[in-house]
């Protein structure tokens, strides 16, 4: 795999990670709001879900990229 392909795959993976984390964060906040949580609590749960998903997906992406080398 040449360098430009690796860069393209890395950037695509990073974009996917952010989109997935945003969706998970939004869903967690929405479910918290439906659960009766106040606005600040719902935002807090969304932030925690976003951060956790971002960390997990980034770790998996880096692991896959190391395996491909």
PDB file of N, CA and C in Angstrom:
ATOM      1  N   UNK A   1       0.858  -1.171   0.000  1.00  0.00           N
ATOM      2  CA  UNK A   1       0.000   0.000   0.000  1.00  0.00           C
ATOM      3  C   UNK A   1       0.905   1.235   0.000  1.00  0.00           C
ATOM      4  N   UNK A   2       0.730   2.121  -0.986  1.00  0.00           N
ATOM      5  CA  UNK A   2       1.591   3.300  -1.062  1.00  0.00           C
ATOM      6  C   UNK A   2       1.145   4.385  -0.071  1.00  0.00           C
ATOM      7  N   UNK A   3       1.952   5.418   0.045  1.00  0.00           N
ATOM      8  CA  UNK A   3       1.734   6.442   1.067  1.00  0.00           C
ATOM      9  C   UNK A   3       0.444   7.209   0.857  1.00  0.00           C
ATOM     10  N   UNK A   4       0.136   7.576  -0.371  1.00  0.00           N
ATOM     11  CA  UNK A   4      -1.084   8.356  -0.614  1.00  0.00           C
ATOM     12  C   UNK A   4      -2.341   7.545  -0.300  1.00  0.00           C
ATOM     13  N   UNK A   5      -2.293   6.261  -0.553  1.00  0.00           N
ATOM     14  CA  UNK A   5      -3.431   5.405  -0.203  1.00  0.00           C
ATOM     15  C   UNK A   5      -3.589   5.317   1.303  1.00  0.00           C
ATOM     16  N   UNK A   6      -2.494   5.203   2.028  1.00  0.00           N
ATOM     17  CA  UNK A   6      -2.550   5.157   3.491  1.00  0.00           C
ATOM     18  C   UNK A   6      -3.131   6.450   4.059  1.00  0.00           C
ATOM     19  N   UNK A   7      -2.719   7.572   3.492  1.00  0.00           N
ATOM     20  CA  UNK A   7      -3.234   8.864   3.951  1.00  0.00           C
ATOM     21  C   UNK A   7      -4.731   8.957   3.676  1.00  0.00           C
ATOM     22  N   UNK A   8      -5.153   8.531   2.509  1.00  0.00           N
ATOM     23  CA  UNK A   8      -6.578   8.582   2.160  1.00  0.00           C
ATOM     24  C   UNK A   8      -7.398   7.687   3.079  1.00  0.00           C
ATOM     25  N   UNK A   9      -6.903   6.493   3.341  1.00  0.00           N
ATOM     26  CA  UNK A   9      -7.613   5.565   4.224  1.00  0.00           C
ATOM     27  C   UNK A   9      -7.684   6.128   5.638  1.00  0.00           C
ATOM     28  N   UNK A  10      -6.600   6.719   6.106  1.00  0.00           N
ATOM     29  CA  UNK A  10      -6.570   7.309   7.445  1.00  0.00           C
ATOM     30  C   UNK A  10      -7.557   8.455   7.567  1.00  0.00           C
ATOM     31  N   UNK A  11      -7.596   9.339   6.583  1.00  0.00           N
ATOM     32  CA  UNK A  11      -8.526  10.472   6.620  1.00  0.00           C
ATOM     33  C   UNK A  11      -9.976  10.012   6.540  1.00  0.00           C
ATOM     34  N   UNK A  12     -10.234   9.016   5.716  1.00  0.00           N
ATOM     35  CA  UNK A  12     -11.590   8.472   5.632  1.00  0.00           C
ATOM     36  C   UNK A  12     -12.011   7.827   6.943  1.00  0.00           C
ATOM     37  N   UNK A  13     -11.113   7.101   7.558  1.00  0.00           N
ATOM     38  CA  UNK A  13     -11.402   6.464   8.843  1.00  0.00           C
ATOM     39  C   UNK A  13     -11.667   7.514   9.911  1.00  0.00           C
ATOM     40  N   UNK A  14     -10.875   8.580   9.907  1.00  0.00           N
ATOM     41  CA  UNK A  14     -11.069   9.650  10.890  1.00  0.00           C
ATOM     42  C   UNK A  14     -12.421  10.328  10.709  1.00  0.00           C
ATOM     43  N   UNK A  15     -12.811  10.565   9.469  1.00  0.00           N
ATOM     44  CA  UNK A  15     -14.118  11.177   9.203  1.00  0.00           C
ATOM     45  C   UNK A  15     -15.246  10.259   9.655  1.00  0.00           C
ATOM     46  N   UNK A  16     -15.114   8.979   9.386  1.00  0.00           N
ATOM     47  CA  UNK A  16     -16.135   8.018   9.832  1.00  0.00           C
ATOM     48  C   UNK A  16     -16.222   7.947  11.351  1.00  0.00           C
ATOM     49  N   UNK A  17     -15.082   7.999  12.005  1.00  0.00           N
ATOM     50  CA  UNK A  17     -15.055   7.963  13.467  1.00  0.00           C
ATOM     51  C   UNK A  17     -15.831   9.143  14.040  1.00  0.00           C
ATOM     52  N   UNK A  18     -15.590  10.322  13.510  1.00  0.00           N
ATOM     53  CA  UNK A  18     -16.265  11.523  14.017  1.00  0.00           C
ATOM     54  C   UNK A  18     -17.768  11.447  13.759  1.00  0.00           C
ATOM     55  N   UNK A  19     -18.164  11.011  12.592  1.00  0.00           N
ATOM     56  CA  UNK A  19     -19.599  10.914  12.278  1.00  0.00           C
ATOM     57  C   UNK A  19     -20.290   9.900  13.192  1.00  0.00           C
ATOM     58  N   UNK A  20     -19.683   8.756  13.378  1.00  0.00           N
ATOM     59  CA  UNK A  20     -20.280   7.740  14.248  1.00  0.00           C
ATOM     60  C   UNK A  20     -20.366   8.243  15.683  1.00  0.00           C
ATOM     61  N   UNK A  21     -19.310   8.908  16.152  1.00  0.00           N
ATOM     62  CA  UNK A  21     -19.319   9.434  17.519  1.00  0.00           C
ATOM     63  C   UNK A  21     -20.388  10.507  17.691  1.00  0.00           C
ATOM     64  N   UNK A  22     -20.590  11.335  16.683  1.00  0.00           N
ATOM     65  CA  UNK A  22     -21.651  12.351  16.753  1.00  0.00           C
ATOM     66  C   UNK A  22     -23.028  11.707  16.830  1.00  0.00           C
ATOM     67  N   UNK A  23     -23.247  10.677  16.053  1.00  0.00           N
ATOM     68  CA  UNK A  23     -24.543   9.989  16.071  1.00  0.00           C
ATOM     69  C   UNK A  23     -24.786   9.335  17.434  1.00  0.00           C
ATOM     70  N   UNK A  24     -23.767   8.678  17.975  1.00  0.00           N
ATOM     71  CA  UNK A  24     -23.906   8.032  19.288  1.00  0.00           C
ATOM     72  C   UNK A  24     -24.146   9.074  20.369  1.00  0.00           C
ATOM     73  N   UNK A  25     -23.415  10.185  20.318  1.00  0.00           N
ATOM     74  CA  UNK A  25     -23.605  11.258  21.297  1.00  0.00           C
ATOM     75  C   UNK A  25     -24.997  11.843  21.231  1.00  0.00           C
ATOM     76  N   UNK A  26     -25.473  12.091  20.021  1.00  0.00           N
ATOM     77  CA  UNK A  26     -26.827  12.637  19.862  1.00  0.00           C
ATOM     78  C   UNK A  26     -27.863  11.653  20.411  1.00  0.00           C
ATOM     79  N   UNK A  27     -27.703  10.377  20.086  1.00  0.00           N
ATOM     80  CA  UNK A  27     -28.663   9.371  20.543  1.00  0.00           C
ATOM     81  C   UNK A  27     -28.663   9.270  22.065  1.00  0.00           C
ATOM     82  N   UNK A  28     -27.483   9.316  22.683  1.00  0.00           N
ATOM     83  CA  UNK A  28     -27.415   9.237  24.147  1.00  0.00           C
ATOM     84  C   UNK A  28     -28.088  10.452  24.782  1.00  0.00           C
ATOM     85  N   UNK A  29     -27.857  11.622  24.230  1.00  0.00           N
ATOM     86  CA  UNK A  29     -28.507  12.820  24.755  1.00  0.00           C
ATOM     87  C   UNK A  29     -30.013  12.778  24.574  1.00  0.00           C
ATOM     88  N   UNK A  30     -30.442  12.305  23.434  1.00  0.00           N
ATOM     89  CA  UNK A  30     -31.876  12.211  23.156  1.00  0.00           C
ATOM     90  C   UNK A  30     -32.553  11.212  24.095  1.00  0.00           C
ATOM     91  N   UNK A  31     -31.928  10.054  24.277  1.00  0.00           N
ATOM     92  CA  UNK A  31     -32.491   9.057  25.187  1.00  0.00           C
ATOM     93  C   UNK A  31     -32.505   9.555  26.631  1.00  0.00           C
ATOM     94  N   UNK A  32     -31.475  10.294  27.018  1.00  0.00           N
ATOM     95  CA  UNK A  32     -31.457  10.859  28.369  1.00  0.00           C
ATOM     96  C   UNK A  32     -32.585  11.867  28.535  1.00  0.00           C
ATOM     97  N   UNK A  33     -32.812  12.662  27.509  1.00  0.00           N
ATOM     98  CA  UNK A  33     -33.905  13.642  27.564  1.00  0.00           C
ATOM     99  C   UNK A  33     -35.260  12.939  27.656  1.00  0.00           C
ATOM    100  N   UNK A  34     -35.434  11.872  26.892  1.00  0.00           N
ATOM    101  CA  UNK A  34     -36.680  11.109  26.953  1.00  0.00           C
ATOM    102  C   UNK A  34     -36.858  10.426  28.301  1.00  0.00           C
ATOM    103  N   UNK A  35     -35.737  10.133  28.951  1.00  0.00           N
ATOM    104  CA  UNK A  35     -35.760   9.507  30.267  1.00  0.00           C
ATOM    105  C   UNK A  35     -36.158  10.478  31.373  1.00  0.00           C
ATOM    106  N   UNK A  36     -36.270  11.734  31.029  1.00  0.00           N
ATOM    107  CA  UNK A  36     -36.662  12.737  32.013  1.00  0.00           C
ATOM    108  C   UNK A  36     -35.496  13.514  32.589  1.00  0.00           C
ATOM    109  N   UNK A  37     -34.312  13.349  32.027  1.00  0.00           N
ATOM    110  CA  UNK A  37     -33.152  14.082  32.510  1.00  0.00           C
ATOM    111  C   UNK A  37     -33.277  15.557  32.117  1.00  0.00           C
ATOM    112  N   UNK A  38     -32.712  16.397  32.974  1.00  0.00           N
ATOM    113  CA  UNK A  38     -32.697  17.818  32.633  1.00  0.00           C
ATOM    114  C   UNK A  38     -31.752  18.055  31.464  1.00  0.00           C
ATOM    115  N   UNK A  39     -31.824  19.256  30.901  1.00  0.00           N
ATOM    116  CA  UNK A  39     -31.037  19.585  29.710  1.00  0.00           C
ATOM    117  C   UNK A  39     -29.542  19.397  29.970  1.00  0.00           C
ATOM    118  N   UNK A  40     -29.051  19.888  31.093  1.00  0.00           N
ATOM    119  CA  UNK A  40     -27.618  19.784  31.379  1.00  0.00           C
ATOM    120  C   UNK A  40     -27.189  18.324  31.568  1.00  0.00           C
ATOM    121  N   UNK A  41     -28.050  17.523  32.171  1.00  0.00           N
ATOM    122  CA  UNK A  41     -27.732  16.109  32.339  1.00  0.00           C
ATOM    123  C   UNK A  41     -27.694  15.392  30.996  1.00  0.00           C
ATOM    124  N   UNK A  42     -28.632  15.722  30.127  1.00  0.00           N
ATOM    125  CA  UNK A  42     -28.664  15.098  28.800  1.00  0.00           C
ATOM    126  C   UNK A  42     -27.411  15.463  28.007  1.00  0.00           C
ATOM    127  N   UNK A  43     -26.990  16.714  28.100  1.00  0.00           N
ATOM    128  CA  UNK A  43     -25.770  17.140  27.400  1.00  0.00           C
ATOM    129  C   UNK A  43     -24.562  16.407  27.972  1.00  0.00           C
ATOM    130  N   UNK A  44     -24.523  16.263  29.298  1.00  0.00           N
ATOM    131  CA  UNK A  44     -23.418  15.535  29.928  1.00  0.00           C
ATOM    132  C   UNK A  44     -23.337  14.096  29.466  1.00  0.00           C
ATOM    133  N   UNK A  45     -24.467  13.432  29.386  1.00  0.00           N
ATOM    134  CA  UNK A  45     -24.477  12.041  28.914  1.00  0.00           C
ATOM    135  C   UNK A  45     -24.067  11.954  27.447  1.00  0.00           C
ATOM    136  N   UNK A  46     -24.497  12.922  26.653  1.00  0.00           N
ATOM    137  CA  UNK A  46     -24.115  12.941  25.237  1.00  0.00           C
ATOM    138  C   UNK A  46     -22.607  13.131  25.088  1.00  0.00           C
ATOM    139  N   UNK A  47     -22.034  14.017  25.904  1.00  0.00           N
ATOM    140  CA  UNK A  47     -20.588  14.265  25.837  1.00  0.00           C
ATOM    141  C   UNK A  47     -19.804  13.015  26.239  1.00  0.00           C
ATOM    142  N   UNK A  48     -20.255  12.335  27.283  1.00  0.00           N
ATOM    143  CA  UNK A  48     -19.573  11.115  27.723  1.00  0.00           C
ATOM    144  C   UNK A  48     -19.652  10.040  26.634  1.00  0.00           C
ATOM    145  N   UNK A  49     -20.821   9.877  26.037  1.00  0.00           N
ATOM    146  CA  UNK A  49     -20.979   8.879  24.972  1.00  0.00           C
ATOM    147  C   UNK A  49     -20.131   9.237  23.754  1.00  0.00           C
ATOM    148  N   UNK A  50     -20.099  10.520  23.401  1.00  0.00           N
ATOM    149  CA  UNK A  50     -19.291  10.985  22.272  1.00  0.00           C
ATOM    150  C   UNK A  50     -17.815  10.695  22.516  1.00  0.00           C
ATOM    151  N   UNK A  51     -17.333  11.056  23.702  1.00  0.00           N
ATOM    152  CA  UNK A  51     -15.922  10.845  24.023  1.00  0.00           C
ATOM    153  C   UNK A  51     -15.540   9.380  24.060  1.00  0.00           C
ATOM    154  N   UNK A  52     -16.399   8.567  24.645  1.00  0.00           N
ATOM    155  CA  UNK A  52     -16.117   7.133  24.705  1.00  0.00           C
ATOM    156  C   UNK A  52     -16.091   6.496  23.334  1.00  0.00           C
ATOM    157  N   UNK A  53     -17.043   6.852  22.512  1.00  0.00           N
ATOM    158  CA  UNK A  53     -17.099   6.300  21.157  1.00  0.00           C
ATOM    159  C   UNK A  53     -15.908   6.763  20.333  1.00  0.00           C
ATOM    160  N   UNK A  54     -15.555   8.022  20.473  1.00  0.00           N
ATOM    161  CA  UNK A  54     -14.406   8.565  19.744  1.00  0.00           C
ATOM    162  C   UNK A  54     -13.121   7.848  20.150  1.00  0.00           C
ATOM    163  N   UNK A  55     -12.947   7.616  21.435  1.00  0.00           N
ATOM    164  CA  UNK A  55     -11.751   6.929  21.925  1.00  0.00           C
ATOM    165  C   UNK A  55     -11.696   5.493  21.419  1.00  0.00           C
ATOM    166  N   UNK A  56     -12.807   4.789  21.524  1.00  0.00           N
ATOM    167  CA  UNK A  56     -12.845   3.398  21.071  1.00  0.00           C
ATOM    168  C   UNK A  56     -12.577   3.293  19.574  1.00  0.00           C
ATOM    169  N   UNK A  57     -13.250   4.103  18.795  1.00  0.00           N
ATOM    170  CA  UNK A  57     -13.096   4.026  17.342  1.00  0.00           C
ATOM    171  C   UNK A  57     -11.690   4.439  16.910  1.00  0.00           C
ATOM    172  N   UNK A  58     -11.125   5.440  17.553  1.00  0.00           N
ATOM    173  CA  UNK A  58      -9.761   5.854  17.203  1.00  0.00           C
ATOM    174  C   UNK A  58      -8.757   4.757  17.531  1.00  0.00           C
ATOM    175  N   UNK A  59      -8.940   4.099  18.663  1.00  0.00           N
ATOM    176  CA  UNK A  59      -8.053   3.003  19.041  1.00  0.00           C
ATOM    177  C   UNK A  59      -8.152   1.855  18.040  1.00  0.00           C
ATOM    178  N   UNK A  60      -9.362   1.513  17.655  1.00  0.00           N
ATOM    179  CA  UNK A  60      -9.537   0.443  16.670  1.00  0.00           C
ATOM    180  C   UNK A  60      -8.927   0.825  15.323  1.00  0.00           C
ATOM    181  N   UNK A  61      -9.099   2.067  14.922  1.00  0.00           N
ATOM    182  CA  UNK A  61      -8.538   2.522  13.647  1.00  0.00           C
ATOM    183  C   UNK A  61      -7.026   2.449  13.662  1.00  0.00           C
ATOM    184  N   UNK A  62      -6.407   2.914  14.739  1.00  0.00           N
ATOM    185  CA  UNK A  62      -4.954   2.849  14.827  1.00  0.00           C
ATOM    186  C   UNK A  62      -4.456   1.412  14.842  1.00  0.00           C
ATOM    187  N   UNK A  63      -5.175   0.543  15.514  1.00  0.00           N
ATOM    188  CA  UNK A  63      -4.778  -0.873  15.538  1.00  0.00           C
ATOM    189  C   UNK A  63      -4.858  -1.487  14.155  1.00  0.00           C
ATOM    190  N   UNK A  64      -5.915  -1.190  13.441  1.00  0.00           N
ATOM    191  CA  UNK A  64      -6.052  -1.726  12.076  1.00  0.00           C
ATOM    192  C   UNK A  64      -4.968  -1.188  11.176  1.00  0.00           C
ATOM    193  N   UNK A  65      -4.648   0.109  11.293  1.00  0.00           N
ATOM    194  CA  UNK A  65      -3.601   0.680  10.461  1.00  0.00           C
ATOM    195  C   UNK A  65      -2.240   0.061  10.763  1.00  0.00           C
ATOM    196  N   UNK A  66      -1.971  -0.248  12.022  1.00  0.00           N
ATOM    197  CA  UNK A  66      -0.699  -0.893  12.372  1.00  0.00           C
ATOM    198  C   UNK A  66      -0.639  -2.306  11.811  1.00  0.00           C
ATOM    199  N   UNK A  67      -1.751  -3.001  11.794  1.00  0.00           N
ATOM    200  CA  UNK A  67      -1.780  -4.352  11.248  1.00  0.00           C
ATOM    201  C   UNK A  67      -1.538  -4.315   9.736  1.00  0.00           C
ATOM    202  N   UNK A  68      -2.035  -3.290   9.066  1.00  0.00           N
ATOM    203  CA  UNK A  68      -1.893  -3.199   7.616  1.00  0.00           C
ATOM    204  C   UNK A  68      -0.473  -2.845   7.184  1.00  0.00           C
ATOM    205  N   UNK A  69       0.343  -2.357   8.094  1.00  0.00           N
ATOM    206  CA  UNK A  69       1.699  -1.969   7.701  1.00  0.00           C
ATOM    207  C   UNK A  69       2.604  -3.145   7.523  1.00  0.00           C
TER     208      UNK A  69
END
